[in-house]
Amino acid sequence: MKVSPLQTGLIAGFSAILLEVIFKVSPPPAYGLCVACHTRDLVNWIVNSVAGTTLGMAPVSKLIPLLTVVGLLIGALIGAIVHKDFKIRKTHGLVTGFILGFLVLNFALLMGGCPVRMGLRTAYGDLFGLLGILGIAAGVIVSTEVYLKKA
């Protein structure tokens, strides 16, 4: 059975609506699918549960962990395996890539700079959302040009 991206989006959207209606799950505005925020909330939920701390997280993720990032990784892995695109690749500059990824996620948390969140903010009519999208796009273009030309 082949599922198109449109069908997947519709299923995910309607599932989110059902979750909100049936279980009264209500994410904060502009939360969406943010890899930075959901990872932070998952890690903070685990630390809070194990160590008894009170690290901050979105209200929607205080009762149960947000497993969207785990689902995203598992779904990407399954998709790559099914389409015979999964290959273990040796990368160069592993430490540099890790540091850059770490910085991107931390700055995304500091600035609220997730592209999905910026898109949702723009859809809500927030001018800073549009400026955020433009800033993210400029940063990606400049950094990839610099990083890829070094590689």
N, C-alpha and C. Protein backbone atom coordinates (compact mmCIF):
# COMPACT_ATOMS: atom_id res chain seq x y z
N MET A 1 0.85 -1.18 0.00
CA MET A 1 0.00 0.00 0.00
C MET A 1 0.89 1.24 0.00
N LYS A 2 0.63 2.13 -0.91
CA LYS A 2 1.43 3.33 -1.03
C LYS A 2 0.63 4.51 -0.47
N VAL A 3 1.25 5.27 0.40
CA VAL A 3 0.60 6.42 1.02
C VAL A 3 1.34 7.68 0.58
N SER A 4 0.61 8.64 0.06
CA SER A 4 1.23 9.88 -0.41
C SER A 4 1.48 10.82 0.77
N PRO A 5 2.36 11.80 0.58
CA PRO A 5 2.57 12.79 1.65
C PRO A 5 1.28 13.53 2.02
N LEU A 6 0.42 13.78 1.04
CA LEU A 6 -0.85 14.46 1.33
C LEU A 6 -1.72 13.59 2.24
N GLN A 7 -1.82 12.30 1.92
CA GLN A 7 -2.60 11.39 2.76
C GLN A 7 -2.02 11.30 4.17
N THR A 8 -0.70 11.25 4.26
CA THR A 8 -0.05 11.19 5.57
C THR A 8 -0.35 12.45 6.37
N GLY A 9 -0.26 13.60 5.73
CA GLY A 9 -0.56 14.86 6.41
C GLY A 9 -2.00 14.94 6.88
N LEU A 10 -2.92 14.48 6.03
CA LEU A 10 -4.33 14.48 6.42
C LEU A 10 -4.59 13.54 7.60
N ILE A 11 -3.99 12.36 7.56
CA ILE A 11 -4.16 11.41 8.67
C ILE A 11 -3.58 12.00 9.96
N ALA A 12 -2.39 12.58 9.87
CA ALA A 12 -1.75 13.16 11.06
C ALA A 12 -2.58 14.33 11.59
N GLY A 13 -3.08 15.17 10.70
CA GLY A 13 -3.88 16.32 11.11
C GLY A 13 -5.17 15.90 11.79
N PHE A 14 -5.88 14.96 11.18
CA PHE A 14 -7.14 14.50 11.79
C PHE A 14 -6.89 13.74 13.09
N SER A 15 -5.77 13.02 13.16
CA SER A 15 -5.42 12.35 14.42
C SER A 15 -5.18 13.37 15.53
N ALA A 16 -4.50 14.46 15.19
CA ALA A 16 -4.26 15.51 16.19
C ALA A 16 -5.58 16.13 16.65
N ILE A 17 -6.49 16.33 15.73
CA ILE A 17 -7.80 16.88 16.09
C ILE A 17 -8.55 15.92 17.01
N LEU A 18 -8.53 14.63 16.67
CA LEU A 18 -9.19 13.63 17.53
C LEU A 18 -8.57 13.59 18.92
N LEU A 19 -7.24 13.64 18.99
CA LEU A 19 -6.57 13.66 20.29
C LEU A 19 -7.04 14.85 21.13
N GLU A 20 -7.13 16.00 20.46
CA GLU A 20 -7.53 17.21 21.18
C GLU A 20 -8.97 17.10 21.67
N VAL A 21 -9.85 16.58 20.83
CA VAL A 21 -11.27 16.50 21.19
C VAL A 21 -11.54 15.40 22.22
N ILE A 22 -11.02 14.21 21.98
CA ILE A 22 -11.32 13.06 22.85
C ILE A 22 -10.61 13.15 24.20
N PHE A 23 -9.30 13.44 24.16
CA PHE A 23 -8.50 13.41 25.38
C PHE A 23 -8.23 14.80 25.96
N LYS A 24 -8.80 15.83 25.35
CA LYS A 24 -8.61 17.21 25.81
C LYS A 24 -7.14 17.61 25.85
N VAL A 25 -6.36 17.07 24.90
CA VAL A 25 -4.95 17.44 24.77
C VAL A 25 -4.91 18.73 23.97
N SER A 26 -4.31 19.73 24.54
CA SER A 26 -4.26 21.03 23.87
C SER A 26 -2.84 21.59 23.90
N PRO A 27 -2.13 21.49 22.79
CA PRO A 27 -0.77 22.04 22.77
C PRO A 27 -0.80 23.56 22.81
N PRO A 28 0.29 24.15 23.27
CA PRO A 28 0.35 25.61 23.25
C PRO A 28 0.33 26.13 21.81
N PRO A 29 -0.09 27.36 21.60
CA PRO A 29 -0.10 27.91 20.24
C PRO A 29 1.29 27.84 19.60
N ALA A 30 1.31 27.52 18.35
CA ALA A 30 2.53 27.47 17.54
C ALA A 30 3.51 26.41 18.04
N TYR A 31 3.02 25.33 18.60
CA TYR A 31 3.91 24.27 19.09
C TYR A 31 4.26 23.32 17.96
N GLY A 32 3.26 22.87 17.24
CA GLY A 32 3.47 22.05 16.05
C GLY A 32 4.37 20.86 16.27
N LEU A 33 5.17 20.53 15.28
CA LEU A 33 6.15 19.46 15.36
C LEU A 33 7.52 20.12 15.38
N CYS A 34 7.98 20.44 16.55
CA CYS A 34 9.26 21.13 16.70
C CYS A 34 10.27 20.14 17.25
N VAL A 35 11.26 19.80 16.45
CA VAL A 35 12.25 18.83 16.88
C VAL A 35 13.01 19.34 18.09
N ALA A 36 13.31 20.61 18.13
CA ALA A 36 14.04 21.17 19.27
C ALA A 36 13.17 21.15 20.53
N CYS A 37 11.95 21.66 20.45
CA CYS A 37 11.08 21.74 21.63
C CYS A 37 10.63 20.37 22.11
N HIS A 38 10.28 19.50 21.20
CA HIS A 38 9.82 18.18 21.60
C HIS A 38 10.95 17.36 22.20
N THR A 39 12.17 17.52 21.67
CA THR A 39 13.32 16.84 22.26
C THR A 39 13.58 17.36 23.65
N ARG A 40 13.54 18.68 23.82
CA ARG A 40 13.72 19.28 25.14
C ARG A 40 12.68 18.75 26.11
N ASP A 41 11.42 18.72 25.69
CA ASP A 41 10.35 18.25 26.57
C ASP A 41 10.49 16.77 26.91
N LEU A 42 10.92 15.96 25.94
CA LEU A 42 11.11 14.53 26.20
C LEU A 42 12.25 14.32 27.20
N VAL A 43 13.38 14.99 26.98
CA VAL A 43 14.52 14.86 27.89
C VAL A 43 14.14 15.38 29.27
N ASN A 44 13.49 16.54 29.33
CA ASN A 44 13.09 17.09 30.63
C ASN A 44 12.08 16.19 31.34
N TRP A 45 11.16 15.57 30.58
CA TRP A 45 10.19 14.66 31.19
C TRP A 45 10.91 13.46 31.81
N ILE A 46 11.88 12.91 31.08
CA ILE A 46 12.64 11.76 31.59
C ILE A 46 13.42 12.15 32.84
N VAL A 47 14.12 13.29 32.79
CA VAL A 47 14.91 13.74 33.95
C VAL A 47 14.00 14.03 35.14
N ASN A 48 12.88 14.70 34.89
CA ASN A 48 11.94 14.99 35.98
C ASN A 48 11.40 13.71 36.59
N SER A 49 11.10 12.71 35.76
CA SER A 49 10.55 11.45 36.27
C SER A 49 11.58 10.66 37.06
N VAL A 50 12.81 10.63 36.58
CA VAL A 50 13.85 9.83 37.21
C VAL A 50 14.45 10.54 38.43
N ALA A 51 14.79 11.82 38.27
CA ALA A 51 15.52 12.54 39.32
C ALA A 51 14.61 13.36 40.22
N GLY A 52 13.34 13.48 39.87
CA GLY A 52 12.42 14.25 40.70
C GLY A 52 12.63 15.75 40.62
N THR A 53 13.21 16.21 39.52
CA THR A 53 13.43 17.65 39.34
C THR A 53 12.18 18.30 38.76
N THR A 54 12.23 19.59 38.55
CA THR A 54 11.10 20.31 37.95
C THR A 54 11.59 21.15 36.78
N LEU A 55 12.27 20.51 35.84
CA LEU A 55 12.72 21.23 34.65
C LEU A 55 11.51 21.67 33.84
N GLY A 56 11.62 22.81 33.18
CA GLY A 56 10.50 23.37 32.44
C GLY A 56 10.18 22.61 31.18
N MET A 57 8.89 22.58 30.87
CA MET A 57 8.42 21.96 29.63
C MET A 57 7.03 22.49 29.31
N ALA A 58 6.59 22.25 28.11
CA ALA A 58 5.27 22.71 27.71
C ALA A 58 4.20 21.97 28.51
N PRO A 59 3.09 22.64 28.81
CA PRO A 59 2.04 22.00 29.61
C PRO A 59 1.53 20.69 29.03
N VAL A 60 1.49 20.58 27.70
CA VAL A 60 0.95 19.38 27.07
C VAL A 60 1.83 18.16 27.34
N SER A 61 3.10 18.37 27.64
CA SER A 61 4.01 17.23 27.82
C SER A 61 4.31 16.92 29.28
N LYS A 62 3.57 17.50 30.20
CA LYS A 62 3.84 17.24 31.62
C LYS A 62 3.29 15.91 32.09
N LEU A 63 2.18 15.45 31.51
CA LEU A 63 1.57 14.19 31.96
C LEU A 63 2.21 12.97 31.30
N ILE A 64 2.38 13.04 30.00
CA ILE A 64 2.96 11.92 29.26
C ILE A 64 4.08 12.46 28.38
N PRO A 65 5.06 11.63 28.07
CA PRO A 65 6.16 12.13 27.24
C PRO A 65 5.73 12.35 25.80
N LEU A 66 6.30 13.37 25.18
CA LEU A 66 6.07 13.59 23.75
C LEU A 66 7.03 12.72 22.98
N LEU A 67 6.51 11.77 22.26
CA LEU A 67 7.35 10.82 21.53
C LEU A 67 7.39 11.14 20.04
N THR A 68 7.09 12.39 19.67
CA THR A 68 7.07 12.74 18.25
C THR A 68 8.44 12.61 17.61
N VAL A 69 9.49 12.98 18.33
CA VAL A 69 10.83 12.90 17.76
C VAL A 69 11.23 11.43 17.58
N VAL A 70 10.88 10.60 18.55
CA VAL A 70 11.16 9.16 18.44
C VAL A 70 10.38 8.59 17.25
N GLY A 71 9.13 8.96 17.12
CA GLY A 71 8.31 8.50 15.99
C GLY A 71 8.85 8.99 14.66
N LEU A 72 9.34 10.22 14.64
CA LEU A 72 9.93 10.78 13.42
C LEU A 72 11.16 9.99 13.01
N LEU A 73 12.02 9.67 13.98
CA LEU A 73 13.22 8.89 13.67
C LEU A 73 12.89 7.48 13.22
N ILE A 74 11.96 6.83 13.92
CA ILE A 74 11.58 5.47 13.55
C ILE A 74 10.90 5.47 12.18
N GLY A 75 10.03 6.44 11.93
CA GLY A 75 9.36 6.54 10.63
C GLY A 75 10.35 6.78 9.50
N ALA A 76 11.34 7.64 9.74
CA ALA A 76 12.36 7.90 8.72
C ALA A 76 13.19 6.65 8.45
N LEU A 77 13.51 5.92 9.52
CA LEU A 77 14.28 4.68 9.36
C LEU A 77 13.48 3.65 8.56
N ILE A 78 12.22 3.47 8.92
CA ILE A 78 11.38 2.50 8.20
C ILE A 78 11.22 2.91 6.73
N GLY A 79 10.98 4.22 6.50
CA GLY A 79 10.85 4.71 5.13
C GLY A 79 12.11 4.48 4.32
N ALA A 80 13.27 4.73 4.93
CA ALA A 80 14.54 4.53 4.22
C ALA A 80 14.78 3.05 3.92
N ILE A 81 14.43 2.19 4.87
CA ILE A 81 14.62 0.75 4.66
C ILE A 81 13.67 0.24 3.58
N VAL A 82 12.39 0.64 3.66
CA VAL A 82 11.40 0.19 2.68
C VAL A 82 11.76 0.62 1.27
N HIS A 83 12.28 1.83 1.13
CA HIS A 83 12.62 2.35 -0.20
C HIS A 83 14.07 2.07 -0.58
N LYS A 84 14.72 1.19 0.20
CA LYS A 84 16.10 0.77 -0.06
C LYS A 84 17.06 1.95 -0.17
N ASP A 85 16.87 2.94 0.69
CA ASP A 85 17.72 4.12 0.69
C ASP A 85 18.58 4.20 1.95
N PHE A 86 18.44 3.20 2.84
CA PHE A 86 19.19 3.22 4.09
C PHE A 86 20.60 2.72 3.85
N LYS A 87 21.56 3.58 4.13
CA LYS A 87 22.97 3.21 4.01
C LYS A 87 23.71 3.83 5.19
N ILE A 88 24.59 3.07 5.78
CA ILE A 88 25.44 3.65 6.81
C ILE A 88 26.59 4.32 6.08
N ARG A 89 26.71 5.60 6.31
CA ARG A 89 27.72 6.38 5.60
C ARG A 89 28.77 6.88 6.56
N LYS A 90 29.99 6.82 6.12
CA LYS A 90 31.08 7.37 6.92
C LYS A 90 31.14 8.87 6.64
N THR A 91 31.07 9.65 7.70
CA THR A 91 31.09 11.10 7.51
C THR A 91 32.45 11.65 7.88
N HIS A 92 32.75 12.79 7.32
CA HIS A 92 33.96 13.49 7.71
C HIS A 92 33.55 14.63 8.63
N GLY A 93 34.40 15.00 9.50
CA GLY A 93 34.09 16.10 10.40
C GLY A 93 32.97 15.75 11.37
N LEU A 94 33.03 14.58 11.97
CA LEU A 94 31.97 14.13 12.87
C LEU A 94 31.80 15.08 14.06
N VAL A 95 32.91 15.51 14.63
CA VAL A 95 32.87 16.43 15.78
C VAL A 95 32.29 17.78 15.36
N THR A 96 32.71 18.27 14.22
CA THR A 96 32.19 19.55 13.73
C THR A 96 30.69 19.47 13.48
N GLY A 97 30.24 18.38 12.87
CA GLY A 97 28.81 18.20 12.63
C GLY A 97 28.02 18.12 13.92
N PHE A 98 28.57 17.43 14.91
CA PHE A 98 27.90 17.33 16.22
C PHE A 98 27.80 18.71 16.87
N ILE A 99 28.89 19.45 16.85
CA ILE A 99 28.89 20.78 17.48
C ILE A 99 27.92 21.71 16.76
N LEU A 100 27.91 21.69 15.45
CA LEU A 100 26.97 22.54 14.70
C LEU A 100 25.52 22.15 14.98
N GLY A 101 25.23 20.86 15.02
CA GLY A 101 23.88 20.40 15.35
C GLY A 101 23.47 20.82 16.75
N PHE A 102 24.39 20.69 17.69
CA PHE A 102 24.15 21.11 19.08
C PHE A 102 23.83 22.60 19.13
N LEU A 103 24.61 23.40 18.41
CA LEU A 103 24.38 24.85 18.39
C LEU A 103 23.05 25.20 17.74
N VAL A 104 22.72 24.53 16.64
CA VAL A 104 21.45 24.81 15.96
C VAL A 104 20.27 24.53 16.89
N LEU A 105 20.29 23.38 17.56
CA LEU A 105 19.18 23.05 18.46
C LEU A 105 19.10 24.02 19.63
N ASN A 106 20.23 24.38 20.19
CA ASN A 106 20.21 25.31 21.32
C ASN A 106 19.76 26.70 20.91
N PHE A 107 20.21 27.17 19.76
CA PHE A 107 19.75 28.48 19.31
C PHE A 107 18.27 28.44 18.91
N ALA A 108 17.82 27.29 18.41
CA ALA A 108 16.39 27.15 18.10
C ALA A 108 15.57 27.28 19.37
N LEU A 109 16.06 26.70 20.46
CA LEU A 109 15.34 26.81 21.73
C LEU A 109 15.41 28.23 22.28
N LEU A 110 16.55 28.86 22.16
CA LEU A 110 16.70 30.22 22.67
C LEU A 110 15.86 31.22 21.89
N MET A 111 15.81 31.07 20.59
CA MET A 111 15.14 32.05 19.75
C MET A 111 13.74 31.61 19.32
N GLY A 112 13.33 30.41 19.71
CA GLY A 112 12.05 29.90 19.21
C GLY A 112 12.14 29.73 17.70
N GLY A 113 13.28 29.25 17.22
CA GLY A 113 13.60 29.28 15.81
C GLY A 113 13.31 28.03 15.03
N CYS A 114 12.34 27.25 15.43
CA CYS A 114 11.97 26.07 14.65
C CYS A 114 11.18 26.54 13.42
N PRO A 115 11.54 26.06 12.23
CA PRO A 115 10.82 26.49 11.03
C PRO A 115 9.31 26.21 11.09
N VAL A 116 8.92 25.09 11.69
CA VAL A 116 7.49 24.78 11.80
C VAL A 116 6.82 25.81 12.70
N ARG A 117 7.45 26.11 13.83
CA ARG A 117 6.88 27.10 14.74
C ARG A 117 6.82 28.47 14.06
N MET A 118 7.85 28.83 13.33
CA MET A 118 7.83 30.12 12.64
C MET A 118 6.73 30.14 11.58
N GLY A 119 6.53 29.02 10.90
CA GLY A 119 5.45 28.94 9.91
C GLY A 119 4.09 29.09 10.57
N LEU A 120 3.91 28.43 11.71
CA LEU A 120 2.64 28.56 12.43
C LEU A 120 2.44 29.98 12.94
N ARG A 121 3.50 30.59 13.44
CA ARG A 121 3.37 31.97 13.92
C ARG A 121 3.01 32.91 12.76
N THR A 122 3.62 32.66 11.60
CA THR A 122 3.29 33.47 10.43
C THR A 122 1.83 33.27 10.04
N ALA A 123 1.37 32.02 10.10
CA ALA A 123 -0.03 31.73 9.78
C ALA A 123 -0.98 32.42 10.76
N TYR A 124 -0.54 32.61 12.01
CA TYR A 124 -1.34 33.33 13.00
C TYR A 124 -1.32 34.84 12.76
N GLY A 125 -0.50 35.27 11.78
CA GLY A 125 -0.43 36.70 11.48
C GLY A 125 0.67 37.43 12.23
N ASP A 126 1.61 36.70 12.79
CA ASP A 126 2.70 37.29 13.56
C ASP A 126 3.84 37.69 12.62
N LEU A 127 4.17 38.98 12.58
CA LEU A 127 5.24 39.47 11.72
C LEU A 127 6.59 38.88 12.11
N PHE A 128 6.80 38.65 13.40
CA PHE A 128 8.07 38.07 13.84
C PHE A 128 8.23 36.63 13.34
N GLY A 129 7.13 35.94 13.12
CA GLY A 129 7.19 34.61 12.53
C GLY A 129 7.76 34.67 11.12
N LEU A 130 7.27 35.63 10.33
CA LEU A 130 7.77 35.81 8.97
C LEU A 130 9.24 36.19 8.98
N LEU A 131 9.61 37.12 9.87
CA LEU A 131 11.02 37.52 9.99
C LEU A 131 11.87 36.33 10.43
N GLY A 132 11.32 35.50 11.31
CA GLY A 132 12.04 34.30 11.75
C GLY A 132 12.29 33.34 10.61
N ILE A 133 11.27 33.13 9.77
CA ILE A 133 11.45 32.23 8.63
C ILE A 133 12.52 32.76 7.69
N LEU A 134 12.46 34.06 7.42
CA LEU A 134 13.47 34.67 6.54
C LEU A 134 14.87 34.56 7.15
N GLY A 135 14.96 34.76 8.47
CA GLY A 135 16.25 34.65 9.15
C GLY A 135 16.79 33.23 9.12
N ILE A 136 15.91 32.26 9.34
CA ILE A 136 16.33 30.86 9.29
C ILE A 136 16.81 30.50 7.89
N ALA A 137 16.06 30.93 6.88
CA ALA A 137 16.44 30.64 5.49
C ALA A 137 17.79 31.26 5.15
N ALA A 138 17.99 32.51 5.56
CA ALA A 138 19.28 33.18 5.30
C ALA A 138 20.41 32.44 6.03
N GLY A 139 20.18 32.05 7.27
CA GLY A 139 21.20 31.33 8.03
C GLY A 139 21.55 29.99 7.42
N VAL A 140 20.53 29.28 6.95
CA VAL A 140 20.77 27.97 6.32
C VAL A 140 21.57 28.15 5.03
N ILE A 141 21.18 29.12 4.22
CA ILE A 141 21.87 29.34 2.95
C ILE A 141 23.33 29.71 3.18
N VAL A 142 23.55 30.67 4.06
CA VAL A 142 24.92 31.13 4.32
C VAL A 142 25.75 30.01 4.96
N SER A 143 25.21 29.34 5.98
CA SER A 143 26.00 28.32 6.67
C SER A 143 26.28 27.11 5.79
N THR A 144 25.32 26.70 4.97
CA THR A 144 25.58 25.54 4.11
C THR A 144 26.59 25.89 3.03
N GLU A 145 26.52 27.11 2.53
CA GLU A 145 27.51 27.53 1.54
C GLU A 145 28.91 27.49 2.14
N VAL A 146 29.07 28.01 3.33
CA VAL A 146 30.36 28.04 4.00
C VAL A 146 30.80 26.62 4.37
N TYR A 147 29.88 25.85 4.98
CA TYR A 147 30.23 24.51 5.44
C TYR A 147 30.49 23.56 4.27
N LEU A 148 29.65 23.63 3.25
CA LEU A 148 29.82 22.70 2.13
C LEU A 148 31.03 23.04 1.27
N LYS A 149 31.39 24.31 1.21
CA LYS A 149 32.57 24.67 0.43
C LYS A 149 33.85 24.23 1.12
N LYS A 150 33.80 24.10 2.47
CA LYS A 150 34.96 23.60 3.21
C LYS A 150 35.12 22.10 3.03
N ALA A 151 34.00 21.40 2.84
CA ALA A 151 34.03 19.92 2.80
C ALA A 151 34.53 19.38 1.49
